[in-house]
């Protein structure tokens, strides 16, 4: 239910159903040494901003919720490189399946 307002953004054209989740440039990431790192310096950040952000994506479906952004950006780059209509359809259907099963918060295999 908390994603319903995003539908307005999709209908306005600011978002799509599938794509990397939008991030704010001022967000930070903490590296292994406990130091903060600006996310715009992480490999993959620039590539993911060349496509329209989406409500769901490869990282949301296949990655654990609490993985590092560097790893999440790898999933986003996979999507950008293999983006097709049928991949979008599959990701949308998997998103509905995971939602109906209530497995979004579940770590590990979601479907």
Protein backbone atom coordinates (compact mmCIF):
# COMPACT_ATOMS: atom_id res chain seq x y z
CA UNK A 1 0.00 0.00 0.00
CA UNK A 2 2.88 2.39 0.66
CA UNK A 3 3.85 2.17 -3.02
CA UNK A 4 0.45 3.34 -4.30
CA UNK A 5 1.49 7.04 -4.36
CA UNK A 6 4.28 6.02 -6.73
CA UNK A 7 1.63 5.13 -9.32
CA UNK A 8 0.98 8.86 -9.70
CA UNK A 9 4.67 9.33 -10.53
CA UNK A 10 4.44 6.54 -13.11
CA UNK A 11 1.38 8.07 -14.77
CA UNK A 12 3.13 11.49 -14.84
CA UNK A 13 6.13 9.91 -16.56
CA UNK A 14 8.61 10.55 -13.75
CA UNK A 15 8.95 6.81 -13.06
CA UNK A 16 8.34 3.52 -14.83
CA UNK A 17 7.04 0.23 -13.50
CA UNK A 18 10.50 -1.38 -13.83
CA UNK A 19 13.90 0.18 -13.35
CA UNK A 20 16.44 1.03 -10.66
CA UNK A 21 14.93 2.51 -7.50
CA UNK A 22 15.47 6.26 -7.22
CA UNK A 23 18.12 7.47 -4.78
CA UNK A 24 19.01 10.92 -3.54
CA UNK A 25 22.58 12.07 -4.37
CA UNK A 26 23.15 13.20 -0.78
CA UNK A 27 22.66 9.65 0.53
CA UNK A 28 25.76 7.97 1.91
CA UNK A 29 27.15 4.47 2.15
CA UNK A 30 29.44 3.15 4.86
CA UNK A 31 32.44 1.16 3.61
CA UNK A 32 34.11 -1.77 5.37
CA UNK A 33 36.33 0.57 7.42
CA UNK A 34 33.29 2.41 8.79
CA UNK A 35 33.97 5.51 6.68
CA UNK A 36 31.13 7.24 4.89
CA UNK A 37 31.21 7.28 1.11
CA UNK A 38 28.99 9.41 -1.11
CA UNK A 39 26.89 7.10 -3.27
CA UNK A 40 27.62 9.08 -6.42
CA UNK A 41 31.22 7.77 -6.23
CA UNK A 42 30.15 4.10 -6.20
CA UNK A 43 30.60 2.31 -9.54
CA UNK A 44 27.27 2.02 -11.33
CA UNK A 45 25.68 5.15 -9.88
CA UNK A 46 26.00 7.15 -13.10
CA UNK A 47 24.70 4.31 -15.30
CA UNK A 48 21.58 3.82 -13.22
CA UNK A 49 20.66 7.49 -13.66
CA UNK A 50 20.58 7.17 -17.43
CA UNK A 51 17.32 5.19 -17.22
CA UNK A 52 13.99 6.10 -15.69
CA UNK A 53 13.67 4.95 -12.07
CA UNK A 54 11.16 2.23 -11.43
CA UNK A 55 8.78 0.84 -8.87
CA UNK A 56 10.42 -2.59 -9.02
CA UNK A 57 13.60 -3.96 -10.49
CA UNK A 58 16.12 -6.76 -10.53
CA UNK A 59 17.73 -5.62 -7.26
CA UNK A 60 14.38 -5.49 -5.45
CA UNK A 61 13.47 -9.00 -6.56
CA UNK A 62 16.74 -10.90 -6.43
CA UNK A 63 18.81 -9.12 -3.76
CA UNK A 64 18.44 -9.11 0.00
CA UNK A 65 17.05 -5.88 1.35
CA UNK A 66 20.15 -4.93 3.32
CA UNK A 67 22.93 -5.50 0.76
CA UNK A 68 25.52 -2.84 0.09
CA UNK A 69 24.61 -0.26 -2.54
CA UNK A 70 27.67 -1.28 -4.57
CA UNK A 71 26.11 -4.74 -4.94
CA UNK A 72 22.65 -3.31 -5.57
CA UNK A 73 24.09 -1.13 -8.33
CA UNK A 74 25.50 -4.30 -9.96
CA UNK A 75 21.97 -5.66 -10.18
CA UNK A 76 20.81 -2.36 -11.66
CA UNK A 77 23.58 -2.47 -14.28
CA UNK A 78 22.52 -6.02 -15.20
CA UNK A 79 19.00 -4.74 -15.80
CA UNK A 80 20.21 -1.76 -17.84
CA UNK A 81 22.33 -4.03 -20.05
CA UNK A 82 19.59 -6.61 -20.64
CA UNK A 83 16.50 -4.40 -20.59
CA UNK A 84 13.71 -5.83 -22.76
CA UNK A 85 9.94 -5.73 -22.76
CA UNK A 86 9.75 -9.40 -21.72
CA UNK A 87 12.20 -8.89 -18.86
CA UNK A 88 10.00 -6.03 -17.63
CA UNK A 89 6.91 -8.25 -17.84
CA UNK A 90 8.68 -11.00 -15.92
CA UNK A 91 9.86 -8.60 -13.19
CA UNK A 92 6.37 -7.12 -12.82
CA UNK A 93 4.83 -10.59 -12.52
CA UNK A 94 7.46 -11.68 -9.99
CA UNK A 95 6.78 -8.51 -8.00
CA UNK A 96 3.08 -9.33 -7.82
CA UNK A 97 3.90 -12.94 -6.84
CA UNK A 98 6.24 -11.81 -4.03
CA UNK A 99 3.68 -9.24 -2.84
CA UNK A 100 0.85 -11.79 -2.70
CA UNK A 101 3.06 -14.22 -0.80
CA UNK A 102 4.23 -11.50 1.61
CA UNK A 103 7.92 -12.29 1.05
CA UNK A 104 9.41 -8.82 0.43
CA UNK A 105 10.99 -8.66 3.88
CA UNK A 106 12.20 -12.25 3.71
CA UNK A 107 15.93 -12.77 3.30
CA UNK A 108 17.06 -15.35 0.81
CA UNK A 109 14.85 -16.93 -1.84
CA UNK A 110 11.65 -14.92 -2.32
CA UNK A 111 9.80 -17.18 -4.72
